[in-house]
Amino acid sequence: MDAQTVPTADGLIEQIGQFEAVIRKERAATEKNGRLSERVAQECRDRGFYRMYRPRERGGFGMDPVGGFRVVEALSRIDSAVGWNVAIANACECFGAYFDDATTEEIFGPADTVLAGGLFPPRRAVAVDGGYRVSGKSLFNSNCHAANWLLVEALIYDGDEQRVDKNGNPEGLFMYIPASDAKIVENWDTMGMRGTGSHDVDIQDVFVPDNRAAPLLPLEKAAPAYSGAMHRLTFWPPVAINGVPALGIAQAAIDDFVAMAATKIPAYTASTLRDRPIVQLRLAKAEAKLRAARAFLYGTFDELWQVALAGNFLTIEQKADCQQAAAHAIGAAAEAVDLIHSIASSAAIRKDKPFERHFRDIHVITQHAFVCESRFEAVGQVRLGLQSDWEFLYF
């Protein structure tokens, strides 16, 4: 793709404005049906939102991490489910760095390739001639209805015996599998983020050739098409982008509240919400929490992007920086939404108002394993010079 034709983050954000009305029109149906509408998913596919992090050599936009964050946040301000699914598709793109160029040309070469993936629990991969027979069901496969390839994790078995390394640890694999080889189990039923379609996906006795399987180990050297700066950041843009929709949700909550506060007069009172000192105080605190979280997350990745551009992989301390900023973004965004919820009066609980959905959505995201509060423990372990029990810090 010619550099002059590759959209920038600003260009994609401008495009969002061109189909924002479509997203808003479909928002209620997205929530009710538990998945993005075909029209919204197709708009995201046609405009390239699902391949922002794909290398230009594979027809993607080769965007830097913060550029992708900005686009996801802008989408999430309109509809959290759209922002989330775009985030997950791009997160799955980054693992192409583990595979050779011929394999990534097969999978990522077509412009209409869209990814989804669920890594837990790992599936079972029985070694056979030329590859593996893979079976198992994983949870939380966001965007699976729109995807035509799935990123999966599997543990290797030789017959009935699990394969282990010299230290006794299970040997695992990353794999890409055609979505047509899998069955979506329609069981995504949660209090929030309902429109993401994050169903279980079942795979039974599917053959995966060796070239579509890569060892579940830290990336040391990527194939040429994936040898740019983005992939020296390895696992961390995929982790951090999970936190970005939370920023969009919190910003939407603030925007919606400001729009309402000028005219809303709660029952049994005579003044509008905006005239109340407690409202003024909590609104300002919510905005401060959100802006600080955004600055921390974006600033961390801007800084580490320069490290990657210089040809370096991240140190364990820098990986801890990524984890800390991502987990903090979600926690602070949730606190901001809680502050707005506390001052929105009865509008906070009415289903015909947006605040109850902001509240539900943000608290679902706080439970994500990669960015939940527990991940601060891993950061603390690194700061104290301890071996962390969060294995992904070593990827």
Protein backbone atom coordinates (compact mmCIF):
# COMPACT_ATOMS: atom_id res chain seq x y z
CA MET A 1 0.00 0.00 0.00
CA ASP A 2 1.39 3.38 -1.02
CA ALA A 3 2.17 5.63 1.95
CA GLN A 4 0.16 8.44 0.39
CA THR A 5 -2.99 6.29 0.33
CA VAL A 6 -2.72 4.93 3.89
CA PRO A 7 -5.21 6.63 6.22
CA THR A 8 -3.84 8.35 9.30
CA ALA A 9 -5.55 8.20 12.69
CA ASP A 10 -6.96 11.67 12.01
CA GLY A 11 -8.24 10.48 8.64
CA LEU A 12 -10.00 7.49 10.17
CA ILE A 13 -11.51 9.62 12.93
CA GLU A 14 -12.87 11.91 10.23
CA GLN A 15 -14.37 8.86 8.52
CA ILE A 16 -16.10 7.91 11.76
CA GLY A 17 -18.06 11.12 11.43
CA GLN A 18 -19.27 9.95 8.02
CA PHE A 19 -21.01 6.88 9.43
CA GLU A 20 -21.64 7.94 13.02
CA ALA A 21 -25.35 8.27 12.24
CA VAL A 22 -25.39 4.62 11.12
CA ILE A 23 -23.74 3.48 14.37
CA ARG A 24 -26.18 5.49 16.48
CA LYS A 25 -29.18 4.22 14.51
CA GLU A 26 -28.07 0.61 15.03
CA ARG A 27 -27.00 1.05 18.67
CA ALA A 28 -30.22 -0.22 20.27
CA ALA A 29 -30.32 -3.24 17.95
CA THR A 30 -26.66 -3.96 18.71
CA GLU A 31 -27.46 -4.03 22.42
CA LYS A 32 -30.60 -6.14 21.96
CA ASN A 33 -29.15 -8.65 19.49
CA GLY A 34 -25.83 -9.08 21.25
CA ARG A 35 -23.71 -8.34 18.18
CA LEU A 36 -22.85 -5.58 15.74
CA SER A 37 -25.27 -5.22 12.89
CA GLU A 38 -24.12 -6.45 9.49
CA ARG A 39 -24.13 -2.88 8.22
CA VAL A 40 -21.89 -1.51 10.97
CA ALA A 41 -19.51 -4.48 10.74
CA GLN A 42 -19.33 -4.04 6.98
CA GLU A 43 -18.58 -0.32 7.31
CA CYS A 44 -15.71 -1.16 9.68
CA ARG A 45 -14.42 -3.80 7.25
CA ASP A 46 -14.71 -1.65 4.14
CA ARG A 47 -13.06 1.37 5.75
CA GLY A 48 -10.20 -0.71 7.15
CA PHE A 49 -10.84 -0.19 10.86
CA TYR A 50 -10.15 -3.86 11.53
CA ARG A 51 -6.64 -3.69 10.01
CA MET A 52 -5.11 -0.54 11.48
CA TYR A 53 -2.26 -2.52 13.06
CA ARG A 54 -1.69 -4.80 10.05
CA PRO A 55 1.64 -4.06 8.32
CA ARG A 56 1.44 -2.12 5.08
CA GLU A 57 3.19 -5.07 3.44
CA ARG A 58 -0.01 -7.00 4.11
CA GLY A 59 -2.43 -4.31 3.05
CA GLY A 60 -2.91 -2.77 6.47
CA PHE A 61 -2.29 0.76 7.69
CA GLY A 62 0.81 0.04 9.78
CA MET A 63 -0.46 2.44 12.42
CA ASP A 64 1.45 3.20 15.61
CA PRO A 65 -0.18 2.11 18.91
CA VAL A 66 -1.48 5.51 19.99
CA GLY A 67 -2.94 6.18 16.55
CA GLY A 68 -5.00 3.02 16.94
CA PHE A 69 -5.95 3.95 20.50
CA ARG A 70 -7.32 7.30 19.34
CA VAL A 71 -9.52 5.67 16.69
CA VAL A 72 -10.85 3.06 19.13
CA GLU A 73 -11.61 5.73 21.71
CA ALA A 74 -13.49 7.81 19.13
CA LEU A 75 -15.61 4.80 18.13
CA SER A 76 -16.26 3.88 21.76
CA ARG A 77 -17.64 7.34 22.51
CA ILE A 78 -20.40 6.53 20.02
CA ASP A 79 -20.92 2.84 20.80
CA SER A 80 -18.78 0.85 23.21
CA ALA A 81 -19.39 -2.41 21.33
CA VAL A 82 -18.07 -1.03 18.04
CA GLY A 83 -14.96 0.36 19.71
CA TRP A 84 -14.37 -2.88 21.59
CA ASN A 85 -14.68 -5.14 18.53
CA VAL A 86 -12.35 -2.94 16.49
CA ALA A 87 -9.88 -3.04 19.39
CA ILE A 88 -9.97 -6.84 19.63
CA ALA A 89 -9.60 -7.37 15.89
CA ASN A 90 -6.50 -5.17 15.89
CA ALA A 91 -5.11 -6.88 18.98
CA CYS A 92 -5.30 -10.23 17.18
CA GLU A 93 -3.45 -8.72 14.20
CA CYS A 94 -0.27 -8.25 16.23
CA PHE A 95 0.35 -11.98 16.64
CA GLY A 96 1.06 -12.30 12.93
CA ALA A 97 4.65 -11.49 13.93
CA TYR A 98 5.03 -15.09 15.14
CA PHE A 99 4.47 -16.55 11.67
CA ASP A 100 6.46 -16.72 8.43
CA ASP A 101 5.77 -14.43 5.49
CA ALA A 102 4.04 -17.09 3.39
CA THR A 103 1.57 -17.79 6.18
CA THR A 104 0.81 -14.14 6.87
CA GLU A 105 0.30 -13.54 3.14
CA GLU A 106 -2.29 -16.33 3.16
CA ILE A 107 -4.09 -15.07 6.25
CA PHE A 108 -3.62 -11.29 6.17
CA GLY A 109 -3.08 -10.67 2.49
CA PRO A 110 -6.80 -10.39 1.62
CA ALA A 111 -8.17 -6.97 2.54
CA ASP A 112 -11.36 -8.53 3.91
CA THR A 113 -9.56 -10.59 6.58
CA VAL A 114 -11.09 -9.85 9.98
CA LEU A 115 -9.87 -11.47 13.17
CA ALA A 116 -11.35 -12.58 16.45
CA GLY A 117 -9.89 -14.75 19.15
CA GLY A 118 -10.22 -16.30 22.56
CA LEU A 119 -7.18 -17.64 24.39
CA PHE A 120 -8.75 -19.12 27.52
CA PRO A 121 -9.02 -21.92 28.27
CA PRO A 122 -6.32 -23.24 25.93
CA ARG A 123 -7.46 -25.89 23.50
CA ARG A 124 -5.90 -29.31 23.04
CA ALA A 125 -3.54 -29.75 20.06
CA VAL A 126 -2.59 -33.38 19.34
CA ALA A 127 0.58 -33.62 17.26
CA VAL A 128 0.16 -35.45 13.94
CA ASP A 129 2.12 -35.59 10.71
CA GLY A 130 2.32 -32.10 9.26
CA GLY A 131 0.56 -30.31 12.09
CA TYR A 132 -1.99 -30.76 14.86
CA ARG A 133 -5.56 -31.94 15.44
CA VAL A 134 -7.14 -29.24 17.60
CA SER A 135 -10.20 -29.45 19.83
CA GLY A 136 -11.71 -27.35 22.58
CA LYS A 137 -13.92 -24.42 23.44
CA SER A 138 -12.71 -20.97 24.48
CA LEU A 139 -14.49 -18.06 26.09
CA PHE A 140 -14.97 -14.40 25.16
CA ASN A 141 -14.44 -14.41 21.39
CA SER A 142 -15.45 -10.80 20.76
CA ASN A 143 -16.26 -9.97 17.13
CA CYS A 144 -16.58 -13.65 16.19
CA HIS A 145 -19.60 -13.05 13.94
CA ALA A 146 -17.64 -10.63 11.73
CA ALA A 147 -14.40 -12.64 11.72
CA ASN A 148 -13.18 -15.05 9.07
CA TRP A 149 -10.00 -16.07 10.97
CA LEU A 150 -9.59 -16.92 14.65
CA LEU A 151 -6.54 -16.55 16.87
CA VAL A 152 -6.42 -19.43 19.35
CA GLU A 153 -4.12 -20.84 22.01
CA ALA A 154 -3.56 -24.56 22.46
CA LEU A 155 -1.46 -26.92 24.59
CA ILE A 156 0.42 -29.68 22.79
CA TYR A 157 -0.31 -33.37 23.38
CA ASP A 158 1.52 -36.41 22.08
CA GLY A 159 -1.37 -38.81 22.06
CA ASP A 160 -2.85 -38.59 25.56
CA GLU A 161 0.33 -37.22 27.15
CA GLN A 162 0.78 -33.49 27.55
CA ARG A 163 4.08 -32.21 26.20
CA VAL A 164 6.25 -30.26 28.64
CA ASP A 165 9.55 -28.40 28.29
CA LYS A 166 12.79 -29.11 30.17
CA ASN A 167 11.46 -27.19 33.18
CA GLY A 168 8.24 -29.19 33.31
CA ASN A 169 6.08 -26.36 31.90
CA PRO A 170 3.35 -27.18 29.35
CA GLU A 171 4.32 -26.37 25.76
CA GLY A 172 1.79 -24.17 24.03
CA LEU A 173 1.02 -22.70 20.62
CA PHE A 174 -0.56 -19.67 19.01
CA MET A 175 -2.63 -20.68 16.00
CA TYR A 176 -4.76 -19.09 13.30
CA ILE A 177 -7.79 -21.14 12.24
CA PRO A 178 -10.41 -20.34 9.57
CA ALA A 179 -13.62 -19.26 11.26
CA SER A 180 -15.48 -21.68 8.99
CA ASP A 181 -13.83 -24.55 10.94
CA ALA A 182 -15.38 -23.40 14.21
CA LYS A 183 -18.83 -23.21 15.75
CA ILE A 184 -20.08 -20.13 17.60
CA VAL A 185 -21.85 -21.07 20.83
CA GLU A 186 -24.39 -18.28 21.31
CA ASN A 187 -24.05 -17.75 25.07
CA TRP A 188 -22.84 -14.16 25.55
CA ASP A 189 -25.28 -12.91 28.20
CA THR A 190 -23.90 -10.21 30.48
CA MET A 191 -25.03 -7.05 32.20
CA GLY A 192 -22.92 -4.82 29.93
CA MET A 193 -20.91 -4.76 26.69
CA ARG A 194 -23.74 -6.86 25.34
CA GLY A 195 -23.28 -5.82 21.73
CA THR A 196 -19.77 -7.26 21.36
CA GLY A 197 -20.97 -10.79 20.59
CA SER A 198 -18.24 -12.27 22.81
CA HIS A 199 -19.51 -15.82 22.57
CA ASP A 200 -17.74 -19.11 23.21
CA VAL A 201 -16.24 -20.71 20.09
CA ASP A 202 -15.97 -24.48 19.78
CA ILE A 203 -13.45 -26.31 17.60
CA GLN A 204 -13.51 -30.09 17.26
CA ASP A 205 -10.78 -32.19 15.63
CA VAL A 206 -9.69 -29.47 13.20
CA PHE A 207 -6.39 -30.03 11.39
CA VAL A 208 -3.99 -27.08 11.71
CA PRO A 209 -0.85 -27.29 9.56
CA ASP A 210 2.53 -26.58 11.12
CA ASN A 211 2.87 -23.23 9.36
CA ARG A 212 -0.25 -21.87 11.11
CA ALA A 213 1.07 -22.82 14.55
CA ALA A 214 3.80 -20.94 16.44
CA PRO A 215 5.38 -21.68 19.85
CA LEU A 216 3.84 -19.82 22.76
CA LEU A 217 7.13 -18.16 23.68
CA PRO A 218 8.51 -14.61 23.81
CA LEU A 219 9.02 -13.19 20.31
CA GLU A 220 12.70 -12.94 19.49
CA LYS A 221 12.69 -12.35 15.75
CA ALA A 222 9.79 -11.63 13.41
CA ALA A 223 9.56 -12.50 9.72
CA PRO A 224 10.37 -9.58 7.35
CA ALA A 225 6.78 -8.39 6.84
CA TYR A 226 6.39 -8.10 10.61
CA SER A 227 9.82 -6.79 11.52
CA GLY A 228 8.81 -3.16 12.06
CA ALA A 229 8.67 -1.19 15.29
CA MET A 230 5.11 -2.22 16.12
CA HIS A 231 6.08 -5.82 16.60
CA ARG A 232 9.03 -5.03 18.84
CA LEU A 233 6.35 -3.97 21.31
CA THR A 234 5.12 -7.60 21.13
CA PHE A 235 2.17 -8.34 23.42
CA TRP A 236 1.66 -4.84 24.78
CA PRO A 237 -0.40 -2.93 22.21
CA PRO A 238 -2.90 -5.85 22.28
CA VAL A 239 -3.06 -5.66 26.09
CA ALA A 240 -3.37 -1.90 26.29
CA ILE A 241 -5.97 -1.50 23.57
CA ASN A 242 -8.35 -3.49 25.81
CA GLY A 243 -8.38 -0.48 28.11
CA VAL A 244 -9.08 2.15 25.48
CA PRO A 245 -12.85 1.59 25.06
CA ALA A 246 -13.16 2.46 28.75
CA LEU A 247 -11.78 5.91 28.00
CA GLY A 248 -14.40 6.38 25.28
CA ILE A 249 -17.21 5.24 27.56
CA ALA A 250 -16.13 7.64 30.29
CA GLN A 251 -15.88 10.53 27.84
CA ALA A 252 -19.34 9.74 26.50
CA ALA A 253 -20.72 9.72 30.06
CA ILE A 254 -19.21 13.16 30.71
CA ASP A 255 -20.45 14.55 27.39
CA ASP A 256 -23.96 13.20 27.93
CA PHE A 257 -24.08 14.60 31.44
CA VAL A 258 -22.93 18.09 30.42
CA ALA A 259 -25.60 18.12 27.69
CA MET A 260 -28.29 17.23 30.24
CA ALA A 261 -27.17 19.28 33.24
CA ALA A 262 -28.16 22.67 31.88
CA THR A 263 -31.85 21.77 31.74
CA LYS A 264 -32.37 18.87 34.17
CA ILE A 265 -34.17 19.92 37.38
CA PRO A 266 -34.44 16.95 39.75
CA ALA A 267 -37.76 16.27 41.44
CA TYR A 268 -38.61 18.34 44.53
CA THR A 269 -35.95 20.94 43.75
CA ALA A 270 -35.82 24.30 42.00
CA SER A 271 -32.30 24.42 40.51
CA THR A 272 -30.75 22.70 37.54
CA LEU A 273 -28.03 20.11 38.03
CA ARG A 274 -25.33 22.39 36.71
CA ASP A 275 -26.03 24.98 39.43
CA ARG A 276 -25.23 22.57 42.26
CA PRO A 277 -21.80 22.68 43.90
CA ILE A 278 -21.62 18.89 44.36
CA VAL A 279 -22.31 18.44 40.66
CA GLN A 280 -19.66 20.94 39.68
CA LEU A 281 -17.13 19.27 41.98
CA ARG A 282 -17.78 15.69 40.87
CA LEU A 283 -17.91 16.56 37.19
CA ALA A 284 -14.52 18.25 37.43
CA LYS A 285 -13.09 15.27 39.33
CA ALA A 286 -14.44 12.85 36.75
CA GLU A 287 -12.90 14.83 33.92
CA ALA A 288 -9.57 15.06 35.75
CA LYS A 289 -9.45 11.30 36.32
CA LEU A 290 -10.21 10.61 32.68
CA ARG A 291 -7.75 13.09 31.25
CA ALA A 292 -4.98 11.91 33.57
CA ALA A 293 -5.62 8.27 32.65
CA ARG A 294 -5.59 9.06 28.94
CA ALA A 295 -2.38 11.07 29.28
CA PHE A 296 -0.69 8.26 31.23
CA LEU A 297 -1.67 5.56 28.74
CA TYR A 298 -0.99 7.52 25.56
CA GLY A 299 2.18 9.06 26.96
CA THR A 300 3.56 5.67 27.99
CA PHE A 301 3.07 4.24 24.52
CA ASP A 302 4.36 7.36 22.77
CA GLU A 303 7.55 7.00 24.80
CA LEU A 304 7.93 3.28 24.19
CA TRP A 305 7.16 3.72 20.50
CA GLN A 306 10.42 5.66 20.31
CA VAL A 307 12.18 2.73 21.98
CA ALA A 308 10.79 0.38 19.32
CA LEU A 309 11.62 2.77 16.47
CA ALA A 310 15.21 2.71 17.69
CA GLY A 311 15.27 -1.04 17.08
CA ASN A 312 14.86 -2.22 20.66
CA PHE A 313 12.55 -4.69 22.39
CA LEU A 314 11.05 -3.72 25.74
CA THR A 315 12.67 -4.45 29.09
CA ILE A 316 10.64 -6.09 31.84
CA GLU A 317 10.35 -2.70 33.55
CA GLN A 318 8.97 -1.12 30.37
CA LYS A 319 6.47 -3.96 29.98
CA ALA A 320 5.37 -3.28 33.55
CA ASP A 321 4.89 0.37 32.52
CA CYS A 322 2.51 -0.79 29.77
CA GLN A 323 0.59 -3.04 32.13
CA GLN A 324 0.32 -0.32 34.77
CA ALA A 325 -0.91 2.34 32.35
CA ALA A 326 -3.50 0.00 30.79
CA ALA A 327 -4.91 -1.22 34.12
CA HIS A 328 -4.96 2.33 35.47
CA ALA A 329 -6.86 3.57 32.41
CA ILE A 330 -9.74 1.20 33.07
CA GLY A 331 -9.84 1.80 36.81
CA ALA A 332 -9.78 5.57 36.46
CA ALA A 333 -12.38 5.53 33.68
CA ALA A 334 -14.68 3.46 35.89
CA GLU A 335 -14.22 5.94 38.74
CA ALA A 336 -15.11 8.78 36.36
CA VAL A 337 -18.28 7.01 35.25
CA ASP A 338 -19.21 6.30 38.87
CA LEU A 339 -18.87 10.01 39.67
CA ILE A 340 -21.16 10.91 36.77
CA HIS A 341 -23.61 8.21 37.79
CA SER A 342 -23.74 9.68 41.31
CA ILE A 343 -24.83 13.13 40.07
CA ALA A 344 -27.11 12.20 37.16
CA SER A 345 -30.18 12.01 39.38
CA SER A 346 -32.93 9.63 38.26
CA ALA A 347 -31.55 9.75 34.72
CA ALA A 348 -28.77 7.45 35.98
CA ILE A 349 -31.17 4.51 36.30
CA ARG A 350 -33.59 5.01 33.41
CA LYS A 351 -33.18 2.70 30.43
CA ASP A 352 -34.20 5.45 28.05
CA LYS A 353 -31.12 7.45 29.13
CA PRO A 354 -27.52 6.58 28.27
CA PHE A 355 -26.06 6.63 31.78
CA GLU A 356 -27.14 3.18 32.90
CA ARG A 357 -25.49 1.62 29.85
CA HIS A 358 -22.26 3.57 30.46
CA PHE A 359 -22.32 2.25 34.03
CA ARG A 360 -22.95 -1.35 32.99
CA ASP A 361 -20.41 -1.32 30.18
CA ILE A 362 -17.56 0.18 32.17
CA HIS A 363 -17.96 -2.30 35.00
CA VAL A 364 -17.88 -5.25 32.63
CA ILE A 365 -14.57 -4.02 31.16
CA THR A 366 -13.04 -3.74 34.65
CA GLN A 367 -13.26 -7.54 34.88
CA HIS A 368 -11.08 -8.23 31.84
CA ALA A 369 -8.16 -10.46 32.85
CA PHE A 370 -5.50 -8.45 31.01
CA VAL A 371 -6.37 -5.09 32.56
CA CYS A 372 -8.24 -5.75 35.80
CA GLU A 373 -7.09 -4.43 39.18
CA SER A 374 -5.20 -7.67 39.93
CA ARG A 375 -2.68 -6.81 37.23
CA PHE A 376 -1.27 -4.10 39.52
CA GLU A 377 0.10 -6.93 41.65
CA ALA A 378 2.36 -7.97 38.75
CA VAL A 379 3.58 -4.40 38.38
CA GLY A 380 4.33 -4.21 42.08
CA GLN A 381 6.28 -7.46 41.87
CA VAL A 382 8.48 -6.04 39.13
CA ARG A 383 9.03 -2.78 41.02
CA LEU A 384 10.13 -4.77 44.07
CA GLY A 385 12.58 -6.90 42.09
CA LEU A 386 10.48 -10.06 42.38
CA GLN A 387 9.65 -12.69 39.78
CA SER A 388 6.10 -11.95 38.62
CA ASP A 389 3.46 -14.64 38.48
CA TRP A 390 1.81 -12.86 35.50
CA GLU A 391 3.46 -14.81 32.70
CA PHE A 392 2.56 -12.38 29.94
CA LEU A 393 5.03 -9.85 31.34
CA TYR A 394 7.70 -12.08 29.83
CA PHE A 395 6.28 -11.95 26.30
